[in-house]
N, C-alpha and C. Protein backbone atom coordinates (compact mmCIF):
# COMPACT_ATOMS: atom_id res chain seq x y z
N UNK A 1 -11.17 147.34 148.99
CA UNK A 1 -10.67 145.97 148.80
C UNK A 1 -11.39 145.03 149.77
N UNK A 2 -11.88 143.95 149.28
CA UNK A 2 -12.58 143.01 150.12
C UNK A 2 -11.64 142.38 151.14
N UNK A 3 -12.24 141.96 152.26
CA UNK A 3 -11.45 141.41 153.36
C UNK A 3 -10.66 140.18 152.94
N UNK A 4 -11.29 139.30 152.14
CA UNK A 4 -10.60 138.05 151.77
C UNK A 4 -9.43 138.34 150.84
N UNK A 5 -9.48 139.43 150.04
CA UNK A 5 -8.36 139.82 149.19
C UNK A 5 -7.17 140.27 150.03
N UNK A 6 -7.49 141.06 151.09
CA UNK A 6 -6.43 141.52 151.97
C UNK A 6 -5.75 140.36 152.68
N UNK A 7 -6.54 139.39 153.09
CA UNK A 7 -5.99 138.20 153.76
C UNK A 7 -5.09 137.41 152.81
N UNK A 8 -5.54 137.28 151.58
CA UNK A 8 -4.77 136.54 150.57
C UNK A 8 -3.42 137.19 150.32
N UNK A 9 -3.42 138.54 150.21
CA UNK A 9 -2.18 139.28 149.97
C UNK A 9 -1.24 139.14 151.16
N UNK A 10 -1.79 139.22 152.37
CA UNK A 10 -0.97 139.09 153.57
C UNK A 10 -0.30 137.73 153.64
N UNK A 11 -1.06 136.68 153.33
CA UNK A 11 -0.50 135.32 153.35
C UNK A 11 0.60 135.17 152.32
N UNK A 12 0.38 135.74 151.12
CA UNK A 12 1.38 135.65 150.04
C UNK A 12 2.68 136.35 150.44
N UNK A 13 2.55 137.50 151.10
CA UNK A 13 3.74 138.25 151.54
C UNK A 13 4.53 137.45 152.56
N UNK A 14 3.81 136.86 153.53
CA UNK A 14 4.47 136.05 154.57
C UNK A 14 5.20 134.87 153.95
N UNK A 15 4.54 134.19 153.02
CA UNK A 15 5.18 133.04 152.35
C UNK A 15 6.41 133.46 151.57
N UNK A 16 6.33 134.59 150.87
CA UNK A 16 7.46 135.08 150.07
C UNK A 16 8.65 135.42 150.97
N UNK A 17 8.37 136.08 152.10
CA UNK A 17 9.45 136.43 153.03
C UNK A 17 10.09 135.18 153.62
N UNK A 18 9.26 134.17 153.88
CA UNK A 18 9.79 132.91 154.42
C UNK A 18 10.70 132.21 153.44
N UNK A 19 10.29 132.19 152.17
CA UNK A 19 11.12 131.57 151.13
C UNK A 19 12.43 132.31 150.97
N UNK A 20 12.37 133.64 151.01
CA UNK A 20 13.59 134.45 150.87
C UNK A 20 14.54 134.19 152.02
N UNK A 21 14.01 134.08 153.25
CA UNK A 21 14.85 133.83 154.42
C UNK A 21 15.53 132.48 154.32
N UNK A 22 14.78 131.44 153.88
CA UNK A 22 15.37 130.11 153.75
C UNK A 22 16.45 130.09 152.68
N UNK A 23 16.24 130.82 151.58
CA UNK A 23 17.23 130.89 150.51
C UNK A 23 18.52 131.52 151.01
N UNK A 24 18.38 132.55 151.84
CA UNK A 24 19.57 133.22 152.37
C UNK A 24 20.31 132.33 153.35
N UNK A 25 19.56 131.53 154.13
CA UNK A 25 20.19 130.61 155.08
C UNK A 25 20.98 129.54 154.35
N UNK A 26 20.53 129.14 153.15
CA UNK A 26 21.17 128.07 152.40
C UNK A 26 22.51 128.49 151.83
N UNK A 27 22.70 129.80 151.65
CA UNK A 27 23.95 130.29 151.07
C UNK A 27 25.02 130.42 152.14
N UNK A 28 26.29 130.12 151.81
CA UNK A 28 27.37 130.33 152.77
C UNK A 28 27.45 131.81 153.14
N UNK A 29 27.75 132.11 154.41
CA UNK A 29 27.82 133.52 154.82
C UNK A 29 28.91 134.27 154.08
N UNK A 30 28.62 135.49 153.68
CA UNK A 30 29.57 136.32 152.96
C UNK A 30 30.31 137.22 153.94
N UNK A 31 31.61 137.35 153.75
CA UNK A 31 32.40 138.21 154.61
C UNK A 31 32.42 139.62 154.01
N UNK A 32 31.94 140.57 154.79
CA UNK A 32 31.82 141.94 154.29
C UNK A 32 33.17 142.49 153.86
N UNK A 33 33.21 143.01 152.63
CA UNK A 33 34.41 143.67 152.14
C UNK A 33 35.55 142.74 151.77
N UNK A 34 35.36 141.44 151.89
CA UNK A 34 36.45 140.50 151.60
C UNK A 34 36.35 139.96 150.18
N UNK A 35 37.48 139.55 149.65
CA UNK A 35 37.47 138.91 148.34
C UNK A 35 36.80 137.53 148.46
N UNK A 36 36.15 137.06 147.40
CA UNK A 36 35.53 135.74 147.45
C UNK A 36 36.59 134.65 147.59
N UNK A 37 36.30 133.63 148.35
CA UNK A 37 37.23 132.52 148.52
C UNK A 37 37.30 131.70 147.23
N UNK A 38 38.48 131.18 146.97
CA UNK A 38 38.67 130.43 145.72
C UNK A 38 39.73 129.36 145.90
N UNK A 39 39.79 128.46 144.94
CA UNK A 39 40.84 127.44 144.89
C UNK A 39 41.31 127.29 143.45
N UNK A 40 42.50 126.74 143.29
CA UNK A 40 43.07 126.48 141.97
C UNK A 40 43.19 124.98 141.80
N UNK A 41 42.68 124.47 140.68
CA UNK A 41 42.66 123.03 140.44
C UNK A 41 43.35 122.70 139.12
N UNK A 42 44.33 121.81 139.19
CA UNK A 42 44.99 121.29 137.99
C UNK A 42 44.02 120.32 137.30
N UNK A 43 44.30 119.96 136.06
CA UNK A 43 43.40 119.05 135.35
C UNK A 43 44.02 117.67 135.09
N UNK A 44 45.05 117.61 134.25
CA UNK A 44 45.61 116.30 133.87
C UNK A 44 46.16 115.55 135.08
N UNK A 45 45.60 114.37 135.32
CA UNK A 45 46.06 113.55 136.43
C UNK A 45 45.44 113.93 137.76
N UNK A 46 44.81 115.11 137.83
CA UNK A 46 44.22 115.59 139.08
C UNK A 46 42.71 115.37 139.09
N UNK A 47 42.03 115.84 138.04
CA UNK A 47 40.59 115.58 137.93
C UNK A 47 40.27 114.74 136.69
N UNK A 48 41.23 114.67 135.76
CA UNK A 48 41.05 113.91 134.52
C UNK A 48 42.07 112.77 134.46
N UNK A 49 41.59 111.56 134.31
CA UNK A 49 42.48 110.40 134.15
C UNK A 49 42.99 110.39 132.71
N UNK A 50 44.25 110.83 132.54
CA UNK A 50 44.82 110.98 131.21
C UNK A 50 45.76 109.83 130.85
N UNK A 51 45.69 108.74 131.61
CA UNK A 51 46.63 107.63 131.40
C UNK A 51 46.52 107.03 130.00
N UNK A 52 45.30 106.89 129.48
CA UNK A 52 45.13 106.32 128.14
C UNK A 52 45.69 107.26 127.08
N UNK A 53 45.47 108.55 127.26
CA UNK A 53 45.99 109.56 126.32
C UNK A 53 47.52 109.57 126.32
N UNK A 54 48.08 109.48 127.51
CA UNK A 54 49.54 109.48 127.63
C UNK A 54 50.14 108.23 126.96
N UNK A 55 49.50 107.09 127.19
CA UNK A 55 49.99 105.84 126.61
C UNK A 55 49.93 105.87 125.08
N UNK A 56 48.85 106.44 124.55
CA UNK A 56 48.70 106.52 123.09
C UNK A 56 49.75 107.44 122.49
N UNK A 57 49.99 108.58 123.12
CA UNK A 57 50.99 109.52 122.62
C UNK A 57 52.39 108.90 122.67
N UNK A 58 52.66 108.18 123.74
CA UNK A 58 53.98 107.55 123.90
C UNK A 58 54.18 106.44 122.87
N UNK A 59 53.10 105.70 122.55
CA UNK A 59 53.20 104.61 121.57
C UNK A 59 53.47 105.15 120.17
N UNK A 60 52.87 106.28 119.85
CA UNK A 60 53.03 106.86 118.52
C UNK A 60 54.32 107.66 118.39
N UNK A 61 54.64 108.41 119.43
CA UNK A 61 55.84 109.27 119.40
C UNK A 61 56.56 109.17 120.75
N UNK A 62 57.44 108.21 120.90
CA UNK A 62 58.16 108.05 122.17
C UNK A 62 58.75 109.40 122.61
N UNK A 63 58.45 109.78 123.83
CA UNK A 63 58.81 111.10 124.33
C UNK A 63 60.31 111.38 124.25
N UNK A 64 61.12 110.38 124.53
CA UNK A 64 62.57 110.58 124.54
C UNK A 64 63.12 110.83 123.14
N UNK A 65 62.41 110.34 122.12
CA UNK A 65 62.89 110.47 120.75
C UNK A 65 62.24 111.64 120.00
N UNK A 66 60.99 111.93 120.32
CA UNK A 66 60.25 112.96 119.56
C UNK A 66 59.32 113.72 120.49
N UNK A 67 59.91 114.55 121.35
CA UNK A 67 59.14 115.25 122.37
C UNK A 67 58.09 116.18 121.76
N UNK A 68 58.44 116.84 120.64
CA UNK A 68 57.52 117.79 120.02
C UNK A 68 56.22 117.11 119.60
N UNK A 69 56.32 116.02 118.86
CA UNK A 69 55.12 115.33 118.41
C UNK A 69 54.43 114.57 119.53
N UNK A 70 55.20 114.18 120.53
CA UNK A 70 54.60 113.51 121.69
C UNK A 70 53.60 114.46 122.35
N UNK A 71 54.03 115.69 122.62
CA UNK A 71 53.14 116.63 123.29
C UNK A 71 52.00 117.08 122.38
N UNK A 72 52.28 117.13 121.08
CA UNK A 72 51.22 117.48 120.13
C UNK A 72 50.11 116.44 120.19
N UNK A 73 50.50 115.17 120.28
CA UNK A 73 49.50 114.10 120.37
C UNK A 73 48.84 114.08 121.74
N UNK A 74 49.66 114.28 122.77
CA UNK A 74 49.15 114.24 124.15
C UNK A 74 48.11 115.33 124.39
N UNK A 75 48.31 116.50 123.80
CA UNK A 75 47.37 117.60 123.96
C UNK A 75 46.36 117.67 122.83
N UNK A 76 46.09 116.58 122.20
CA UNK A 76 45.09 116.54 121.13
C UNK A 76 43.69 116.73 121.71
N UNK A 77 42.93 117.72 121.24
CA UNK A 77 41.57 117.92 121.74
C UNK A 77 40.69 116.68 121.60
N UNK A 78 40.91 115.93 120.53
CA UNK A 78 40.11 114.72 120.31
C UNK A 78 40.36 113.69 121.41
N UNK A 79 41.62 113.56 121.83
CA UNK A 79 41.92 112.59 122.87
C UNK A 79 41.50 113.10 124.25
N UNK A 80 41.61 114.40 124.46
CA UNK A 80 41.19 114.99 125.73
C UNK A 80 39.72 114.70 125.99
N UNK A 81 38.93 114.71 124.93
CA UNK A 81 37.50 114.45 125.07
C UNK A 81 37.22 113.05 125.61
N UNK A 82 38.20 112.15 125.47
CA UNK A 82 38.02 110.77 125.90
C UNK A 82 38.56 110.50 127.31
N UNK A 83 39.17 111.50 127.93
CA UNK A 83 39.67 111.32 129.30
C UNK A 83 38.54 110.90 130.23
N UNK A 84 38.84 110.00 131.14
CA UNK A 84 37.85 109.58 132.12
C UNK A 84 37.88 110.53 133.32
N UNK A 85 36.72 110.92 133.81
CA UNK A 85 36.70 111.81 134.99
C UNK A 85 37.09 111.04 136.25
N UNK A 86 37.80 111.69 137.13
CA UNK A 86 38.08 111.12 138.45
C UNK A 86 36.87 111.48 139.31
N UNK A 87 36.01 110.52 139.52
CA UNK A 87 34.68 110.78 140.06
C UNK A 87 34.70 111.38 141.46
N UNK A 88 35.61 110.93 142.29
CA UNK A 88 35.67 111.47 143.65
C UNK A 88 36.10 112.94 143.61
N UNK A 89 36.93 113.30 142.64
CA UNK A 89 37.34 114.70 142.48
C UNK A 89 36.11 115.55 142.16
N UNK A 90 35.28 115.05 141.27
CA UNK A 90 34.04 115.77 140.92
C UNK A 90 33.15 115.96 142.15
N UNK A 91 33.03 114.93 142.94
CA UNK A 91 32.20 114.99 144.15
C UNK A 91 32.74 116.02 145.15
N UNK A 92 34.05 115.99 145.37
CA UNK A 92 34.66 116.89 146.34
C UNK A 92 34.59 118.35 145.87
N UNK A 93 34.83 118.57 144.58
CA UNK A 93 34.78 119.93 144.06
C UNK A 93 33.36 120.49 144.07
N UNK A 94 32.38 119.65 143.83
CA UNK A 94 30.98 120.09 143.92
C UNK A 94 30.67 120.49 145.36
N UNK A 95 31.18 119.72 146.31
CA UNK A 95 30.99 120.04 147.72
C UNK A 95 31.69 121.36 148.08
N UNK A 96 32.93 121.53 147.62
CA UNK A 96 33.68 122.76 147.91
C UNK A 96 32.97 123.98 147.33
N UNK A 97 32.44 123.83 146.13
CA UNK A 97 31.71 124.92 145.49
C UNK A 97 30.48 125.30 146.32
N UNK A 98 29.81 124.28 146.88
CA UNK A 98 28.63 124.53 147.72
C UNK A 98 29.00 125.24 149.01
N UNK A 99 30.26 125.14 149.42
CA UNK A 99 30.73 125.84 150.63
C UNK A 99 31.10 127.29 150.33
N UNK A 100 30.93 127.71 149.09
CA UNK A 100 31.23 129.09 148.72
C UNK A 100 32.64 129.31 148.22
N UNK A 101 33.31 128.23 147.79
CA UNK A 101 34.68 128.34 147.27
C UNK A 101 34.62 128.35 145.74
N UNK A 102 35.03 129.44 145.12
CA UNK A 102 35.06 129.53 143.66
C UNK A 102 36.20 128.67 143.12
N UNK A 103 35.97 128.06 141.98
CA UNK A 103 36.97 127.15 141.40
C UNK A 103 37.56 127.75 140.13
N UNK A 104 38.89 127.74 140.08
CA UNK A 104 39.63 128.15 138.88
C UNK A 104 40.44 126.95 138.42
N UNK A 105 40.21 126.51 137.19
CA UNK A 105 40.96 125.40 136.63
C UNK A 105 42.19 125.98 135.91
N UNK A 106 43.38 125.59 136.38
CA UNK A 106 44.63 126.11 135.81
C UNK A 106 45.46 124.92 135.36
N UNK A 107 45.64 124.78 134.05
CA UNK A 107 46.34 123.63 133.49
C UNK A 107 47.40 124.07 132.50
N UNK A 108 48.47 123.30 132.41
CA UNK A 108 49.54 123.62 131.46
C UNK A 108 49.23 123.09 130.06
N UNK A 109 48.00 122.64 129.84
CA UNK A 109 47.59 122.27 128.49
C UNK A 109 47.74 123.48 127.57
N UNK A 110 47.97 123.22 126.29
CA UNK A 110 48.14 124.31 125.33
C UNK A 110 46.79 124.96 125.03
N UNK A 111 46.84 126.17 124.49
CA UNK A 111 45.64 126.95 124.22
C UNK A 111 44.68 126.26 123.25
N UNK A 112 45.20 125.44 122.35
CA UNK A 112 44.32 124.79 121.38
C UNK A 112 43.40 123.75 122.05
N UNK A 113 43.65 123.47 123.34
CA UNK A 113 42.82 122.52 124.08
C UNK A 113 41.71 123.20 124.86
N UNK A 114 41.69 124.53 124.88
CA UNK A 114 40.80 125.25 125.78
C UNK A 114 39.33 124.88 125.59
N UNK A 115 38.85 124.91 124.37
CA UNK A 115 37.45 124.58 124.12
C UNK A 115 37.15 123.14 124.51
N UNK A 116 38.08 122.23 124.20
CA UNK A 116 37.89 120.82 124.54
C UNK A 116 37.86 120.64 126.06
N UNK A 117 38.70 121.39 126.76
CA UNK A 117 38.74 121.29 128.22
C UNK A 117 37.43 121.79 128.83
N UNK A 118 36.94 122.92 128.35
CA UNK A 118 35.71 123.48 128.88
C UNK A 118 34.52 122.55 128.61
N UNK A 119 34.53 121.95 127.44
CA UNK A 119 33.45 121.01 127.10
C UNK A 119 33.55 119.76 127.96
N UNK A 120 34.79 119.31 128.20
CA UNK A 120 34.99 118.12 129.04
C UNK A 120 34.48 118.37 130.45
N UNK A 121 34.77 119.53 131.00
CA UNK A 121 34.29 119.88 132.34
C UNK A 121 32.77 119.84 132.38
N UNK A 122 32.15 120.41 131.37
CA UNK A 122 30.68 120.43 131.31
C UNK A 122 30.11 119.02 131.10
N UNK A 123 30.66 118.29 130.13
CA UNK A 123 30.14 116.96 129.82
C UNK A 123 30.27 115.98 130.98
N UNK A 124 31.31 116.18 131.80
CA UNK A 124 31.55 115.26 132.90
C UNK A 124 31.04 115.80 134.23
N UNK A 125 30.23 116.88 134.15
CA UNK A 125 29.47 117.41 135.28
C UNK A 125 30.34 117.90 136.44
N UNK A 126 31.50 118.44 136.12
CA UNK A 126 32.29 119.11 137.14
C UNK A 126 31.71 120.51 137.34
N UNK A 127 31.94 121.10 138.52
CA UNK A 127 31.49 122.48 138.69
C UNK A 127 32.07 123.36 137.59
N UNK A 128 31.26 124.23 137.06
CA UNK A 128 31.69 125.05 135.93
C UNK A 128 32.94 125.86 136.25
N UNK A 129 33.02 126.36 137.48
CA UNK A 129 34.18 127.16 137.85
C UNK A 129 34.09 128.59 137.33
N UNK A 130 34.99 129.44 137.83
CA UNK A 130 35.00 130.83 137.40
C UNK A 130 35.69 131.01 136.05
N UNK A 131 36.73 130.19 135.82
CA UNK A 131 37.44 130.29 134.54
C UNK A 131 38.36 129.10 134.37
N UNK A 132 38.75 128.86 133.10
CA UNK A 132 39.72 127.81 132.78
C UNK A 132 40.92 128.50 132.12
N UNK A 133 42.10 128.29 132.68
CA UNK A 133 43.32 128.90 132.15
C UNK A 133 44.21 127.82 131.54
N UNK A 134 44.72 128.09 130.33
CA UNK A 134 45.68 127.20 129.67
C UNK A 134 46.91 127.99 129.27
N UNK A 135 48.00 127.28 129.17
CA UNK A 135 49.29 127.92 128.89
C UNK A 135 49.33 128.51 127.48
N UNK A 136 49.92 129.68 127.39
CA UNK A 136 50.11 130.34 126.11
C UNK A 136 51.56 130.20 125.67
N UNK A 137 51.76 129.89 124.40
CA UNK A 137 53.12 129.80 123.86
C UNK A 137 53.96 128.74 124.53
N UNK A 138 55.23 129.08 124.77
CA UNK A 138 56.18 128.10 125.31
C UNK A 138 56.61 128.44 126.73
N UNK A 139 55.73 129.11 127.45
CA UNK A 139 56.03 129.44 128.84
C UNK A 139 56.22 128.17 129.65
N UNK A 140 57.21 128.15 130.53
CA UNK A 140 57.43 126.99 131.39
C UNK A 140 56.23 126.81 132.31
N UNK A 141 55.91 125.55 132.61
CA UNK A 141 54.74 125.24 133.44
C UNK A 141 54.76 125.99 134.76
N UNK A 142 55.88 125.96 135.46
CA UNK A 142 55.96 126.61 136.76
C UNK A 142 55.72 128.11 136.65
N UNK A 143 56.34 128.74 135.66
CA UNK A 143 56.16 130.19 135.47
C UNK A 143 54.71 130.52 135.13
N UNK A 144 54.14 129.74 134.22
CA UNK A 144 52.76 129.97 133.81
C UNK A 144 51.81 129.86 134.99
N UNK A 145 51.96 128.81 135.78
CA UNK A 145 51.03 128.60 136.89
C UNK A 145 51.21 129.66 137.97
N UNK A 146 52.45 129.99 138.27
CA UNK A 146 52.70 131.01 139.29
C UNK A 146 52.11 132.35 138.87
N UNK A 147 52.35 132.76 137.64
CA UNK A 147 51.83 134.04 137.15
C UNK A 147 50.31 134.05 137.10
N UNK A 148 49.72 132.93 136.70
CA UNK A 148 48.26 132.85 136.60
C UNK A 148 47.61 132.91 137.97
N UNK A 149 48.18 132.21 138.93
CA UNK A 149 47.62 132.22 140.28
C UNK A 149 47.71 133.62 140.87
N UNK A 150 48.83 134.30 140.66
CA UNK A 150 48.97 135.67 141.17
C UNK A 150 47.94 136.59 140.54
N UNK A 151 47.62 136.34 139.27
CA UNK A 151 46.58 137.12 138.60
C UNK A 151 45.22 136.87 139.26
N UNK A 152 44.94 135.60 139.56
CA UNK A 152 43.68 135.25 140.22
C UNK A 152 43.59 135.87 141.60
N UNK A 153 44.73 135.92 142.30
CA UNK A 153 44.76 136.46 143.65
C UNK A 153 44.40 137.94 143.72
N UNK A 154 44.47 138.61 142.60
CA UNK A 154 44.09 140.03 142.58
C UNK A 154 42.58 140.21 142.77
N UNK A 155 41.82 139.16 142.44
CA UNK A 155 40.37 139.27 142.54
C UNK A 155 39.74 138.26 143.49
N UNK A 156 40.55 137.33 144.00
CA UNK A 156 40.00 136.30 144.88
C UNK A 156 40.99 135.92 145.98
N UNK A 157 40.45 135.44 147.09
CA UNK A 157 41.27 134.93 148.19
C UNK A 157 41.48 133.45 147.94
N UNK A 158 42.58 133.12 147.28
CA UNK A 158 42.86 131.72 146.93
C UNK A 158 43.39 131.01 148.17
N UNK A 159 42.63 130.06 148.70
CA UNK A 159 43.00 129.45 149.97
C UNK A 159 43.67 128.08 149.83
N UNK A 160 43.58 127.47 148.65
CA UNK A 160 44.32 126.22 148.44
C UNK A 160 44.37 125.90 146.95
N UNK A 161 45.28 124.99 146.62
CA UNK A 161 45.39 124.49 145.25
C UNK A 161 45.61 123.00 145.29
N UNK A 162 45.10 122.29 144.29
CA UNK A 162 45.26 120.84 144.21
C UNK A 162 45.94 120.48 142.89
N UNK A 163 46.93 119.60 142.97
CA UNK A 163 47.63 119.15 141.77
C UNK A 163 48.37 117.85 142.02
N UNK A 164 48.83 117.23 140.94
CA UNK A 164 49.48 115.92 141.08
C UNK A 164 50.98 115.97 140.80
N UNK A 165 51.52 117.15 140.54
CA UNK A 165 52.94 117.23 140.18
C UNK A 165 53.69 118.21 141.08
N UNK A 166 55.00 118.04 141.10
CA UNK A 166 55.84 118.93 141.88
C UNK A 166 55.73 120.37 141.45
N UNK A 167 55.54 120.59 140.14
CA UNK A 167 55.43 121.96 139.64
C UNK A 167 54.16 122.63 140.16
N UNK A 168 53.10 121.85 140.38
CA UNK A 168 51.88 122.40 140.97
C UNK A 168 52.16 122.87 142.39
N UNK A 169 52.76 121.98 143.17
CA UNK A 169 53.07 122.30 144.57
C UNK A 169 53.97 123.53 144.66
N UNK A 170 54.98 123.58 143.80
CA UNK A 170 55.91 124.70 143.83
C UNK A 170 55.21 126.01 143.47
N UNK A 171 54.34 125.96 142.49
CA UNK A 171 53.60 127.17 142.09
C UNK A 171 52.71 127.65 143.23
N UNK A 172 52.03 126.73 143.90
CA UNK A 172 51.18 127.10 145.02
C UNK A 172 52.01 127.72 146.15
N UNK A 173 53.16 127.10 146.43
CA UNK A 173 54.05 127.63 147.47
C UNK A 173 54.56 129.03 147.10
N UNK A 174 54.85 129.23 145.81
CA UNK A 174 55.32 130.54 145.34
C UNK A 174 54.30 131.64 145.62
N UNK A 175 53.03 131.24 145.63
CA UNK A 175 51.95 132.21 145.80
C UNK A 175 51.40 132.24 147.23
N UNK A 176 52.01 131.46 148.11
CA UNK A 176 51.62 131.49 149.51
C UNK A 176 50.29 130.85 149.81
N UNK A 177 49.88 129.86 149.01
CA UNK A 177 48.62 129.18 149.28
C UNK A 177 48.88 127.72 149.65
N UNK A 178 47.95 127.12 150.36
CA UNK A 178 48.07 125.73 150.79
C UNK A 178 48.09 124.80 149.58
N UNK A 179 49.11 123.97 149.50
CA UNK A 179 49.24 123.02 148.39
C UNK A 179 48.76 121.64 148.84
N UNK A 180 47.83 121.08 148.09
CA UNK A 180 47.35 119.72 148.35
C UNK A 180 47.75 118.86 147.16
N UNK A 181 48.56 117.86 147.42
CA UNK A 181 49.08 117.02 146.34
C UNK A 181 48.32 115.70 146.31
N UNK A 182 47.92 115.28 145.11
CA UNK A 182 47.24 114.00 144.95
C UNK A 182 48.09 113.08 144.08
N UNK A 183 47.89 111.80 144.26
CA UNK A 183 48.52 110.82 143.39
C UNK A 183 47.87 110.92 142.01
N UNK A 184 48.68 110.86 140.97
CA UNK A 184 48.15 111.02 139.61
C UNK A 184 47.08 109.98 139.30
N UNK A 185 45.99 110.46 138.74
CA UNK A 185 44.88 109.61 138.28
C UNK A 185 44.27 108.77 139.40
N UNK A 186 44.32 109.29 140.61
CA UNK A 186 43.81 108.55 141.77
C UNK A 186 42.43 109.01 142.16
N UNK A 187 41.52 108.09 142.31
CA UNK A 187 40.18 108.40 142.78
C UNK A 187 40.14 108.42 144.31
N UNK A 188 40.72 107.42 144.91
CA UNK A 188 40.68 107.27 146.37
C UNK A 188 41.37 108.41 147.10
N UNK A 189 42.42 108.96 146.52
CA UNK A 189 43.20 110.00 147.18
C UNK A 189 42.38 111.24 147.49
N UNK A 190 41.27 111.44 146.79
CA UNK A 190 40.44 112.61 147.00
C UNK A 190 39.66 112.56 148.31
N UNK A 191 39.58 111.40 148.94
CA UNK A 191 38.99 111.32 150.29
C UNK A 191 39.82 112.18 151.23
N UNK A 192 41.14 112.04 151.14
CA UNK A 192 42.05 112.84 151.97
C UNK A 192 41.94 114.32 151.62
N UNK A 193 41.80 114.62 150.32
CA UNK A 193 41.71 116.02 149.89
C UNK A 193 40.53 116.71 150.58
N UNK A 194 39.39 116.04 150.63
CA UNK A 194 38.22 116.65 151.27
C UNK A 194 38.50 116.95 152.73
N UNK A 195 39.16 116.02 153.41
CA UNK A 195 39.49 116.22 154.82
C UNK A 195 40.39 117.45 154.99
N UNK A 196 41.37 117.59 154.09
CA UNK A 196 42.28 118.74 154.16
C UNK A 196 41.55 120.06 153.89
N UNK A 197 40.62 120.03 152.94
CA UNK A 197 39.85 121.24 152.64
C UNK A 197 38.98 121.62 153.84
N UNK A 198 38.37 120.63 154.48
CA UNK A 198 37.55 120.90 155.65
C UNK A 198 38.36 121.61 156.74
N UNK A 199 39.61 121.18 156.93
CA UNK A 199 40.48 121.80 157.94
C UNK A 199 40.80 123.25 157.54
N UNK A 200 41.07 123.45 156.27
CA UNK A 200 41.39 124.81 155.79
C UNK A 200 40.21 125.74 156.01
N UNK A 201 39.00 125.28 155.67
CA UNK A 201 37.81 126.11 155.83
C UNK A 201 37.54 126.40 157.30
N UNK A 202 37.79 125.42 158.16
CA UNK A 202 37.58 125.63 159.59
C UNK A 202 38.55 126.68 160.14
N UNK A 203 39.78 126.67 159.64
CA UNK A 203 40.78 127.63 160.09
C UNK A 203 40.47 129.05 159.59
N UNK A 204 39.75 129.14 158.46
CA UNK A 204 39.47 130.44 157.84
C UNK A 204 38.21 131.10 158.40
N UNK A 205 37.49 130.40 159.28
CA UNK A 205 36.25 130.98 159.82
C UNK A 205 36.56 132.17 160.71
């Protein structure tokens, strides 16, 4: 092998090792033998502004008079597609994902909304997350969320959950994880959420 070929190969190896080292430095450190860190995120009112959908459902089927059709309209996949993203939520979740926190979206939306929800997450550039869970049948919201989070905890270290309702907070408390409550459909409130997540991550180091 000619001398210049050997030099070329040596330089290529050094460059490859350097790139590999930088790539490893960019990734959050992994804890040996530990479950991956994760969080649980509600959708309606937490990352998706559903106020227009709620108003339309209420105008067509007043909840107090026709609860069945109200929820049928409220959980319409066509209307879900029109929900506005809460932009600060998207920013904070993208940041959390970059810190090595896996995201699980857990919503009491009905199963017929699942495809629409997954498409909405993608179309609005939210982190893809590990999975999207929706309620099956007529299970109560609190029971569904508690059971789903416990299922997630079997494979992940769920360190916090974010939601806009009391049932979210109660479900998180039932599972022993930090509950972060946001004002419904609030963009600004997510500034505080990021601060709380930073504290949680610092405590978990």
